[in-house]
Amino acid sequence: MNLITQLKKFEGNYAFIRWTNSEEYGKLSYVGSDFIQFDIINVTDMEYYETAFIKSHLIQEVLIGGADISRIIAEVSSKLTDANR
């Protein structure tokens, strides 16, 4: 089973991705056969600031869970709750 097949299961989730010369936290917006669309989050203010289209063969590491990802989900969720009030 290849990486893209596995990532397709997590489309729409928050993740940490390391690729050739960068590493970022963000949301897996789209996972295709040749690239992924990754909406990068600035961890200081929890705002989306950039969208990266990454060729699948350049990806070195992907983390879907963990303490840092949980913190980002909590921060983004709290901002959504405040905006709805």
C-alpha atoms as a PDB file:
ATOM      1  CA  MET A   1       0.000   0.000   0.000  1.00  0.00           C
ATOM      2  CA  ASN A   2       1.453   3.387  -0.894  1.00  0.00           C
ATOM      3  CA  LEU A   3       1.481   6.698   0.967  1.00  0.00           C
ATOM      4  CA  ILE A   4      -1.208   8.390  -1.146  1.00  0.00           C
ATOM      5  CA  THR A   5      -3.640   5.523  -0.530  1.00  0.00           C
ATOM      6  CA  GLN A   6      -3.117   5.906   3.200  1.00  0.00           C
ATOM      7  CA  LEU A   7      -3.356   9.719   3.118  1.00  0.00           C
ATOM      8  CA  LYS A   8      -6.633   9.556   1.182  1.00  0.00           C
ATOM      9  CA  LYS A   9      -8.196   8.030   4.322  1.00  0.00           C
ATOM     10  CA  PHE A  10      -7.210  11.156   6.289  1.00  0.00           C
ATOM     11  CA  GLU A  11      -8.333  13.789   3.777  1.00  0.00           C
ATOM     12  CA  GLY A  12      -9.832  16.736   5.680  1.00  0.00           C
ATOM     13  CA  ASN A  13      -7.817  16.065   8.854  1.00  0.00           C
ATOM     14  CA  TYR A  14      -5.096  18.154  10.461  1.00  0.00           C
ATOM     15  CA  ALA A  15      -1.545  16.874  10.119  1.00  0.00           C
ATOM     16  CA  PHE A  16       2.136  17.663  10.297  1.00  0.00           C
ATOM     17  CA  ILE A  17       3.943  17.128   6.999  1.00  0.00           C
ATOM     18  CA  ARG A  18       7.663  17.189   6.269  1.00  0.00           C
ATOM     19  CA  TRP A  19       8.730  17.386   2.638  1.00  0.00           C
ATOM     20  CA  THR A  20      11.976  18.162   0.806  1.00  0.00           C
ATOM     21  CA  ASN A  21      12.938  21.480   2.418  1.00  0.00           C
ATOM     22  CA  SER A  22       9.996  22.375   4.633  1.00  0.00           C
ATOM     23  CA  GLU A  23       7.793  21.130   7.451  1.00  0.00           C
ATOM     24  CA  GLU A  24       4.441  22.574   8.470  1.00  0.00           C
ATOM     25  CA  TYR A  25       1.214  21.974  10.377  1.00  0.00           C
ATOM     26  CA  GLY A  26      -2.022  22.232   8.469  1.00  0.00           C
ATOM     27  CA  LYS A  27      -5.037  20.531   6.969  1.00  0.00           C
ATOM     28  CA  LEU A  28      -5.009  17.899   4.233  1.00  0.00           C
ATOM     29  CA  SER A  29      -7.566  19.483   1.919  1.00  0.00           C
ATOM     30  CA  TYR A  30      -7.143  17.198  -1.077  1.00  0.00           C
ATOM     31  CA  VAL A  31      -5.216  14.010  -1.719  1.00  0.00           C
ATOM     32  CA  GLY A  32      -4.805  13.068  -5.377  1.00  0.00           C
ATOM     33  CA  SER A  33      -2.762  10.497  -7.221  1.00  0.00           C
ATOM     34  CA  ASP A  34       0.125  12.860  -8.010  1.00  0.00           C
ATOM     35  CA  PHE A  35      -0.102  15.678  -5.417  1.00  0.00           C
ATOM     36  CA  ILE A  36      -1.744  16.777  -2.192  1.00  0.00           C
ATOM     37  CA  GLN A  37      -3.248  20.151  -1.332  1.00  0.00           C
ATOM     38  CA  PHE A  38      -2.140  21.195   2.143  1.00  0.00           C
ATOM     39  CA  ASP A  39      -3.570  24.315   3.826  1.00  0.00           C
ATOM     40  CA  ILE A  40      -0.798  25.512   6.135  1.00  0.00           C
ATOM     41  CA  ILE A  41      -1.622  26.973   9.561  1.00  0.00           C
ATOM     42  CA  ASN A  42       0.472  29.616  11.296  1.00  0.00           C
ATOM     43  CA  VAL A  43       0.781  28.022  14.760  1.00  0.00           C
ATOM     44  CA  THR A  44       1.226  31.418  16.418  1.00  0.00           C
ATOM     45  CA  ASP A  45      -2.214  32.797  15.560  1.00  0.00           C
ATOM     46  CA  MET A  46      -3.892  29.592  14.253  1.00  0.00           C
ATOM     47  CA  GLU A  47      -4.837  31.204  10.942  1.00  0.00           C
ATOM     48  CA  TYR A  48      -4.477  29.637   7.510  1.00  0.00           C
ATOM     49  CA  TYR A  49      -1.856  31.611   5.646  1.00  0.00           C
ATOM     50  CA  GLU A  50      -0.746  29.503   2.706  1.00  0.00           C
ATOM     51  CA  THR A  51      -1.824  26.606   0.512  1.00  0.00           C
ATOM     52  CA  ALA A  52       0.844  24.217  -0.713  1.00  0.00           C
ATOM     53  CA  PHE A  53       0.496  21.739  -3.544  1.00  0.00           C
ATOM     54  CA  ILE A  54       3.047  19.035  -2.818  1.00  0.00           C
ATOM     55  CA  LYS A  55       4.052  16.273  -5.219  1.00  0.00           C
ATOM     56  CA  SER A  56       3.546  12.975  -3.459  1.00  0.00           C
ATOM     57  CA  HIS A  57       7.070  11.683  -4.092  1.00  0.00           C
ATOM     58  CA  LEU A  58       8.554  14.672  -2.184  1.00  0.00           C
ATOM     59  CA  ILE A  59       6.780  13.860   1.100  1.00  0.00           C
ATOM     60  CA  GLN A  60       9.136  12.472   3.732  1.00  0.00           C
ATOM     61  CA  GLU A  61       6.942  12.268   6.839  1.00  0.00           C
ATOM     62  CA  VAL A  62       3.297  12.710   7.828  1.00  0.00           C
ATOM     63  CA  LEU A  63       1.954  12.776  11.391  1.00  0.00           C
ATOM     64  CA  ILE A  64      -1.820  12.648  11.794  1.00  0.00           C
ATOM     65  CA  GLY A  65      -2.148  12.372  15.583  1.00  0.00           C
ATOM     66  CA  GLY A  66      -0.211  13.423  18.636  1.00  0.00           C
ATOM     67  CA  ALA A  67      -0.152  16.184  21.222  1.00  0.00           C
ATOM     68  CA  ASP A  68       0.719  19.006  18.832  1.00  0.00           C
ATOM     69  CA  ILE A  69      -2.026  18.046  16.378  1.00  0.00           C
ATOM     70  CA  SER A  70      -4.539  17.832  19.253  1.00  0.00           C
ATOM     71  CA  ARG A  71      -3.521  21.321  20.395  1.00  0.00           C
ATOM     72  CA  ILE A  72      -4.023  22.726  16.887  1.00  0.00           C
ATOM     73  CA  ILE A  73      -7.458  21.104  16.621  1.00  0.00           C
ATOM     74  CA  ALA A  74      -8.432  22.557  20.008  1.00  0.00           C
ATOM     75  CA  GLU A  75      -7.201  26.046  19.080  1.00  0.00           C
ATOM     76  CA  VAL A  76      -8.950  26.059  15.697  1.00  0.00           C
ATOM     77  CA  SER A  77     -12.142  24.687  17.266  1.00  0.00           C
ATOM     78  CA  SER A  78     -12.155  27.375  19.945  1.00  0.00           C
ATOM     79  CA  LYS A  79     -11.843  30.069  17.277  1.00  0.00           C
ATOM     80  CA  LEU A  80     -14.815  28.569  15.414  1.00  0.00           C
ATOM     81  CA  THR A  81     -16.882  28.579  18.610  1.00  0.00           C
ATOM     82  CA  ASP A  82     -16.004  32.231  19.326  1.00  0.00           C
ATOM     83  CA  ALA A  83     -16.952  33.247  15.781  1.00  0.00           C
ATOM     84  CA  ASN A  84     -20.384  31.612  16.114  1.00  0.00           C
ATOM     85  CA  ARG A  85     -21.301  33.502  19.311  1.00  0.00           C
END
